[in-house]
Amino acid sequence: MKKIILFLFLILSAETLSKEITNKTKIQVGNEIITEHDILIEKNWLFFINSENKNNISTNIIEEIAQNNLIARKIKKLETNNFKVNADKSEVDIELFNFLKIQNLSEDKVYNFLKSFKINENYLRETVELEIRWKNLIRAIYSGRINVNVTEIDQQIQKNNIPLAERENIIAAEKNKILNSFLSNHLEISKKKYLIKVL
């Protein structure tokens, strides 16, 4: 009987220790924390969406990318919450659909992956929603500076015999380039506002 009790105690102690390790804070971003568990989830997700190149990516590189992604997400969350920026549900649905299409993933495959690693089933949706909120914030801040030279585009269309029907797509693509530049630049600016501690 004593042996059984001791055995059960050891199992429970091992489970508790495992939880402590997994939930241990690794990085602090302002008042937000990133745990070992968060990093593990992000690493597994990165391996999942890059499954074809899985063997070519070193564990150290994946660890670094995972940490950088999570730090960026925490900053985006803090900033968008601070400015009370929201995302439209239909826009999230469209972006989610486009992401799955680009990655050649089915909803079932993603669901099974999340379930197998005991990840919140809204993980991907929340990530996509945060990116949309971040874009909405940057658009609001830099709206007056996301301009393109339409005359120059029209000259390029004529010079290269591009169908006029493509004009709006070209303008949208150029605006998107400018927006992407503001997205990354503003993230670097925002990083300076928060104390980032690697523990």
Protein backbone atom coordinates (compact mmCIF):
# COMPACT_ATOMS: atom_id res chain seq x y z
CA MET A 1 0.00 0.00 0.00
CA LYS A 2 2.83 2.41 0.90
CA LYS A 3 4.50 1.66 -2.45
CA ILE A 4 1.29 2.53 -4.33
CA ILE A 5 0.93 5.81 -2.42
CA LEU A 6 4.60 6.66 -3.07
CA PHE A 7 4.18 5.81 -6.78
CA LEU A 8 1.08 8.03 -7.07
CA PHE A 9 2.90 10.84 -5.25
CA LEU A 10 5.83 10.63 -7.69
CA ILE A 11 3.50 10.73 -10.72
CA LEU A 12 1.63 13.76 -9.34
CA SER A 13 4.92 15.50 -8.47
CA ALA A 14 6.25 14.88 -12.00
CA GLU A 15 3.04 16.28 -13.53
CA THR A 16 3.22 19.37 -11.30
CA LEU A 17 6.89 19.94 -12.16
CA SER A 18 6.10 19.53 -15.86
CA LYS A 19 3.34 22.16 -15.59
CA GLU A 20 5.65 24.52 -13.73
CA ILE A 21 8.30 24.21 -16.45
CA THR A 22 5.78 24.64 -19.25
CA ASN A 23 4.10 27.67 -17.72
CA LYS A 24 7.33 29.30 -16.61
CA THR A 25 7.61 32.93 -17.78
CA LYS A 26 10.38 33.29 -20.36
CA ILE A 27 9.78 36.82 -21.67
CA GLN A 28 7.96 39.84 -20.32
CA VAL A 29 6.66 42.54 -22.67
CA GLY A 30 5.29 45.45 -20.66
CA ASN A 31 2.71 43.81 -18.42
CA GLU A 32 2.26 40.84 -20.80
CA ILE A 33 4.10 37.53 -20.34
CA ILE A 34 5.28 34.83 -22.73
CA THR A 35 5.68 31.37 -21.20
CA GLU A 36 7.68 28.32 -22.25
CA HIS A 37 4.33 26.81 -23.22
CA ASP A 38 3.55 29.76 -25.53
CA ILE A 39 6.94 29.35 -27.23
CA LEU A 40 6.41 25.60 -27.63
CA ILE A 41 3.00 26.17 -29.24
CA GLU A 42 4.43 28.77 -31.63
CA LYS A 43 7.36 26.48 -32.56
CA ASN A 44 4.98 23.59 -33.27
CA TRP A 45 2.80 25.91 -35.35
CA LEU A 46 5.82 27.13 -37.36
CA PHE A 47 6.92 23.55 -38.02
CA PHE A 48 3.34 22.69 -39.02
CA ILE A 49 2.96 25.46 -41.62
CA ASN A 50 6.50 24.86 -42.89
CA SER A 51 6.24 21.06 -42.87
CA GLU A 52 7.87 20.73 -46.30
CA ASN A 53 11.02 22.55 -45.10
CA LYS A 54 10.90 21.09 -41.57
CA ASN A 55 14.22 19.25 -41.89
CA ASN A 56 16.02 22.32 -43.28
CA ILE A 57 15.18 24.59 -40.34
CA SER A 58 17.34 24.39 -37.23
CA THR A 59 15.71 24.27 -33.81
CA ASN A 60 17.59 27.41 -32.71
CA ILE A 61 16.29 29.42 -35.67
CA ILE A 62 12.71 28.23 -35.04
CA GLU A 63 13.07 29.13 -31.35
CA GLU A 64 14.25 32.64 -32.26
CA ILE A 65 11.48 33.15 -34.84
CA ALA A 66 8.87 31.87 -32.37
CA GLN A 67 10.06 34.27 -29.65
CA ASN A 68 10.18 37.24 -32.06
CA ASN A 69 6.68 36.42 -33.35
CA LEU A 70 5.30 36.27 -29.82
CA ILE A 71 7.01 39.51 -28.76
CA ALA A 72 5.60 41.26 -31.85
CA ARG A 73 2.14 39.87 -31.09
CA LYS A 74 2.23 41.07 -27.50
CA ILE A 75 3.20 44.59 -28.65
CA LYS A 76 0.45 44.58 -31.28
CA LYS A 77 -2.04 43.43 -28.64
CA LEU A 78 -0.97 46.16 -26.20
CA GLU A 79 -1.07 48.87 -28.87
CA THR A 80 -4.40 47.86 -30.44
CA ASN A 81 -6.00 47.47 -27.00
CA ASN A 82 -4.62 50.86 -26.00
CA PHE A 83 -6.23 52.50 -29.05
CA LYS A 84 -9.35 50.28 -28.81
CA VAL A 85 -8.97 49.04 -32.40
CA ASN A 86 -11.34 46.27 -33.52
CA ALA A 87 -11.58 43.91 -36.48
CA ASP A 88 -14.69 43.18 -38.50
CA LYS A 89 -15.77 39.50 -38.25
CA SER A 90 -16.32 39.18 -42.01
CA GLU A 91 -12.82 40.57 -42.67
CA VAL A 92 -11.37 38.00 -40.26
CA ASP A 93 -13.29 35.23 -42.06
CA ILE A 94 -11.93 36.35 -45.45
CA GLU A 95 -8.33 36.64 -44.19
CA LEU A 96 -8.58 33.25 -42.50
CA PHE A 97 -9.90 31.67 -45.71
CA ASN A 98 -7.10 33.32 -47.75
CA PHE A 99 -4.43 32.15 -45.29
CA LEU A 100 -5.65 28.53 -45.43
CA LYS A 101 -5.77 28.70 -49.24
CA ILE A 102 -2.23 30.13 -49.55
CA GLN A 103 -0.87 27.56 -47.09
CA ASN A 104 -2.85 24.79 -48.83
CA LEU A 105 -4.46 23.78 -45.53
CA SER A 106 -7.95 22.54 -44.77
CA GLU A 107 -9.87 23.59 -41.66
CA ASP A 108 -9.92 19.93 -40.56
CA LYS A 109 -6.14 19.63 -40.84
CA VAL A 110 -5.64 22.77 -38.74
CA TYR A 111 -8.24 21.63 -36.20
CA ASN A 112 -6.57 18.21 -35.87
CA PHE A 113 -3.17 19.85 -35.41
CA LEU A 114 -4.48 22.20 -32.70
CA LYS A 115 -6.29 19.33 -30.98
CA SER A 116 -3.24 17.05 -31.03
CA PHE A 117 -1.11 19.70 -29.30
CA LYS A 118 -3.97 20.77 -26.98
CA ILE A 119 -3.92 24.28 -28.42
CA ASN A 120 -6.94 26.57 -28.14
CA GLU A 121 -8.99 25.98 -31.31
CA ASN A 122 -9.26 29.77 -31.83
CA TYR A 123 -5.46 30.13 -31.95
CA LEU A 124 -5.27 30.82 -35.69
CA ARG A 125 -8.40 32.98 -35.74
CA GLU A 126 -7.12 35.12 -32.87
CA THR A 127 -3.75 35.51 -34.59
CA VAL A 128 -5.41 36.59 -37.86
CA GLU A 129 -7.76 38.94 -36.00
CA LEU A 130 -4.84 40.60 -34.20
CA GLU A 131 -3.03 41.16 -37.52
CA ILE A 132 -6.15 42.84 -38.95
CA ARG A 133 -6.50 45.02 -35.84
CA TRP A 134 -2.83 46.00 -36.21
CA LYS A 135 -3.30 46.88 -39.90
CA ASN A 136 -6.38 48.93 -39.02
CA LEU A 137 -4.38 50.85 -36.42
CA ILE A 138 -1.53 51.57 -38.86
CA ARG A 139 -4.00 52.64 -41.58
CA ALA A 140 -5.63 55.04 -39.09
CA ILE A 141 -2.28 56.51 -38.01
CA TYR A 142 -0.72 56.79 -41.48
CA SER A 143 -3.80 57.19 -43.70
CA GLY A 144 -2.64 60.57 -45.02
CA ARG A 145 0.74 59.11 -46.02
CA ILE A 146 -0.41 55.98 -47.88
CA ASN A 147 -0.46 57.70 -51.27
CA VAL A 148 0.85 56.63 -54.64
CA ASN A 149 1.77 58.64 -57.71
CA VAL A 150 -1.15 57.73 -60.01
CA THR A 151 0.32 59.70 -62.94
CA GLU A 152 3.51 57.63 -62.74
CA ILE A 153 1.47 54.41 -62.62
CA ASP A 154 -0.55 55.48 -65.67
CA GLN A 155 2.69 56.21 -67.56
CA GLN A 156 4.01 52.73 -66.66
CA ILE A 157 0.74 51.13 -67.80
CA GLN A 158 1.01 52.88 -71.20
CA LYS A 159 4.72 52.23 -71.58
CA ASN A 160 4.41 48.49 -70.81
CA ASN A 161 1.08 47.97 -72.61
CA ILE A 162 -0.59 46.74 -69.41
CA PRO A 163 -4.39 46.33 -69.74
CA LEU A 164 -6.24 49.26 -68.20
CA ALA A 165 -8.33 46.76 -66.18
CA GLU A 166 -5.18 46.08 -64.11
CA ARG A 167 -4.84 49.74 -63.07
CA GLU A 168 -6.76 49.40 -59.77
CA ASN A 169 -4.85 46.23 -58.84
CA ILE A 170 -1.50 47.99 -59.47
CA ILE A 171 -2.54 51.00 -57.38
CA ALA A 172 -3.74 48.68 -54.57
CA ALA A 173 -0.45 46.73 -54.71
CA GLU A 174 1.60 49.94 -54.48
CA LYS A 175 -0.47 51.17 -51.52
CA ASN A 176 0.00 47.77 -49.89
CA LYS A 177 3.80 48.08 -50.23
CA ILE A 178 3.69 51.45 -48.46
CA LEU A 179 1.38 50.05 -45.76
CA ASN A 180 3.72 47.08 -45.19
CA SER A 181 6.61 49.48 -44.72
CA PHE A 182 4.61 51.42 -42.09
CA LEU A 183 3.57 48.14 -40.41
CA SER A 184 7.16 47.04 -39.78
CA ASN A 185 8.48 50.53 -38.99
CA HIS A 186 5.73 51.25 -36.48
CA LEU A 187 6.33 47.89 -34.79
CA GLU A 188 9.98 48.88 -34.21
CA ILE A 189 8.85 52.26 -32.85
CA SER A 190 6.31 50.55 -30.56
CA LYS A 191 8.96 48.13 -29.24
CA LYS A 192 10.77 51.08 -27.69
CA LYS A 193 7.69 51.96 -25.64
CA TYR A 194 7.69 48.68 -23.72
CA LEU A 195 10.24 47.05 -21.47
CA ILE A 196 11.10 43.65 -22.98
CA LYS A 197 12.76 41.33 -20.49
CA VAL A 198 14.07 37.87 -21.38
CA LEU A 199 14.05 35.90 -18.14
